[in-house]
Amino acid sequence: MNFNFLFASGQGSSGSGLMAYLPFILILGIMYFLMIRPQAKRQKEKQNMLNDLKKGDNVITIGGIHGSISGFKGKEKKAVIIKVDKNTSMTINRSAIAGMSDKVNDSETQAIEAEQ
């Protein structure tokens, strides 16, 4: 059999250059609006929350430690002093704070458990 007619450039190939890439463009657009954009929005909100921390705020760390901010350390205030108990204070990085204690989801502080 001769299949040359399948590979011949005929009438249908004049505008198919863009149409061939249309499904890929649509998939990338859907991925952007469903995955990338919401993640960037959450990341921006968390960064704003970390920048707006002040003394006396009740926070939860990524490890699940509850406490209130009693001060800041360092030139750029990247370290935070958290008062956990009456006699216990901890110094942690600002990036280790999951959020304010009244606004944190369980999924943000949930520990990773090893599968057995």
Protein backbone atom coordinates (compact mmCIF):
# COMPACT_ATOMS: atom_id res chain seq x y z
CA MET A 1 0.00 0.00 0.00
CA ASN A 2 1.07 3.54 -0.64
CA PHE A 3 0.70 5.99 2.29
CA ASN A 4 2.16 9.05 0.58
CA PHE A 5 -1.19 10.82 0.70
CA LEU A 6 -0.96 10.92 4.52
CA PHE A 7 2.28 12.88 4.45
CA ALA A 8 1.47 15.21 1.59
CA SER A 9 0.92 18.83 2.50
CA GLY A 10 -2.60 19.57 1.44
CA GLN A 11 -5.30 22.12 2.16
CA GLY A 12 -5.58 21.47 5.92
CA SER A 13 -2.02 22.41 6.86
CA SER A 14 -2.22 26.16 6.23
CA GLY A 15 -3.34 27.21 9.75
CA SER A 16 -2.45 24.15 11.79
CA GLY A 17 0.78 25.57 13.28
CA LEU A 18 -0.96 27.36 16.14
CA MET A 19 -3.72 24.77 16.42
CA ALA A 20 -1.14 22.06 17.09
CA TYR A 21 0.08 23.94 20.19
CA LEU A 22 -3.37 24.97 21.43
CA PRO A 23 -3.89 21.94 23.75
CA PHE A 24 -0.51 22.55 25.40
CA ILE A 25 -1.28 26.22 25.86
CA LEU A 26 -4.65 25.37 27.42
CA ILE A 27 -3.08 22.84 29.80
CA LEU A 28 -0.46 25.38 30.92
CA GLY A 29 -3.20 27.98 31.46
CA ILE A 30 -5.26 25.59 33.57
CA MET A 31 -2.21 24.60 35.62
CA TYR A 32 -1.42 28.26 36.25
CA PHE A 33 -4.91 29.12 37.52
CA LEU A 34 -5.42 25.94 39.54
CA MET A 35 -1.96 25.35 41.02
CA ILE A 36 0.60 28.12 40.65
CA ARG A 37 -1.51 31.21 41.28
CA PRO A 38 -3.15 30.00 44.56
CA GLN A 39 0.22 28.84 45.91
CA ALA A 40 1.81 32.21 45.13
CA LYS A 41 -1.10 33.95 46.86
CA ARG A 42 -0.70 31.83 50.02
CA GLN A 43 3.04 32.43 50.00
CA LYS A 44 2.52 36.19 49.74
CA GLU A 45 -0.01 36.16 52.61
CA LYS A 46 2.40 34.20 54.82
CA GLN A 47 5.25 36.58 54.03
CA ASN A 48 3.06 39.56 54.94
CA MET A 49 2.10 37.84 58.22
CA LEU A 50 5.76 37.19 59.06
CA ASN A 51 6.66 40.81 58.33
CA ASP A 52 3.80 42.10 60.51
CA LEU A 53 4.73 40.10 63.64
CA LYS A 54 4.95 42.18 66.79
CA LYS A 55 5.60 41.68 70.47
CA GLY A 56 2.72 39.94 72.26
CA ASP A 57 1.35 38.04 69.24
CA ASN A 58 0.32 34.45 69.96
CA VAL A 59 1.89 32.16 67.36
CA ILE A 60 2.34 28.49 66.50
CA THR A 61 5.57 27.17 65.07
CA ILE A 62 5.82 24.64 62.27
CA GLY A 63 6.69 22.05 64.92
CA GLY A 64 3.46 22.79 66.82
CA ILE A 65 4.86 24.84 69.70
CA HIS A 66 2.45 27.47 71.00
CA GLY A 67 3.78 30.68 72.51
CA SER A 68 3.74 34.44 72.48
CA ILE A 69 6.39 36.67 70.99
CA SER A 70 8.44 38.39 73.67
CA GLY A 71 11.04 39.99 71.44
CA PHE A 72 13.29 39.86 68.40
CA LYS A 73 17.01 39.19 67.96
CA GLY A 74 19.54 40.21 65.39
CA LYS A 75 20.11 43.21 63.19
CA GLU A 76 17.39 42.30 60.70
CA LYS A 77 15.15 40.71 63.37
CA LYS A 78 15.26 37.28 61.72
CA ALA A 79 15.24 35.49 65.07
CA VAL A 80 12.16 35.60 67.29
CA ILE A 81 12.09 35.01 71.04
CA ILE A 82 8.97 33.06 71.97
CA LYS A 83 7.78 32.77 75.55
CA VAL A 84 6.35 29.26 75.88
CA ASP A 85 5.83 29.16 79.64
CA LYS A 86 6.36 31.41 82.62
CA ASN A 87 10.04 30.44 82.88
CA THR A 88 10.69 29.13 79.35
CA SER A 89 11.71 31.18 76.32
CA MET A 90 12.89 29.89 72.96
CA THR A 91 14.70 31.57 70.12
CA ILE A 92 13.56 30.44 66.68
CA ASN A 93 13.87 31.67 63.12
CA ARG A 94 11.08 33.85 61.85
CA SER A 95 10.53 31.40 58.98
CA ALA A 96 9.71 28.61 61.50
CA ILE A 97 6.43 30.30 62.46
CA ALA A 98 3.40 28.64 60.87
CA GLY A 99 1.05 31.47 61.72
CA MET A 100 -1.02 33.21 64.32
CA SER A 101 -2.56 30.78 66.83
CA ASP A 102 -6.16 31.60 65.89
CA LYS A 103 -5.63 31.37 62.12
CA VAL A 104 -3.52 28.21 61.63
CA ASN A 105 -4.88 25.04 59.99
CA ASP A 106 -3.98 21.61 61.33
CA SER A 107 -2.36 20.78 57.98
CA GLU A 108 0.23 23.55 58.43
CA THR A 109 1.54 22.14 61.72
CA GLN A 110 0.94 18.45 61.09
CA ALA A 111 4.01 16.30 61.68
CA ILE A 112 5.22 13.99 58.97
CA GLU A 113 4.80 10.44 60.22
CA ALA A 114 6.89 7.57 58.93
CA GLU A 115 4.93 4.80 57.28
CA GLN A 116 5.43 1.41 58.87
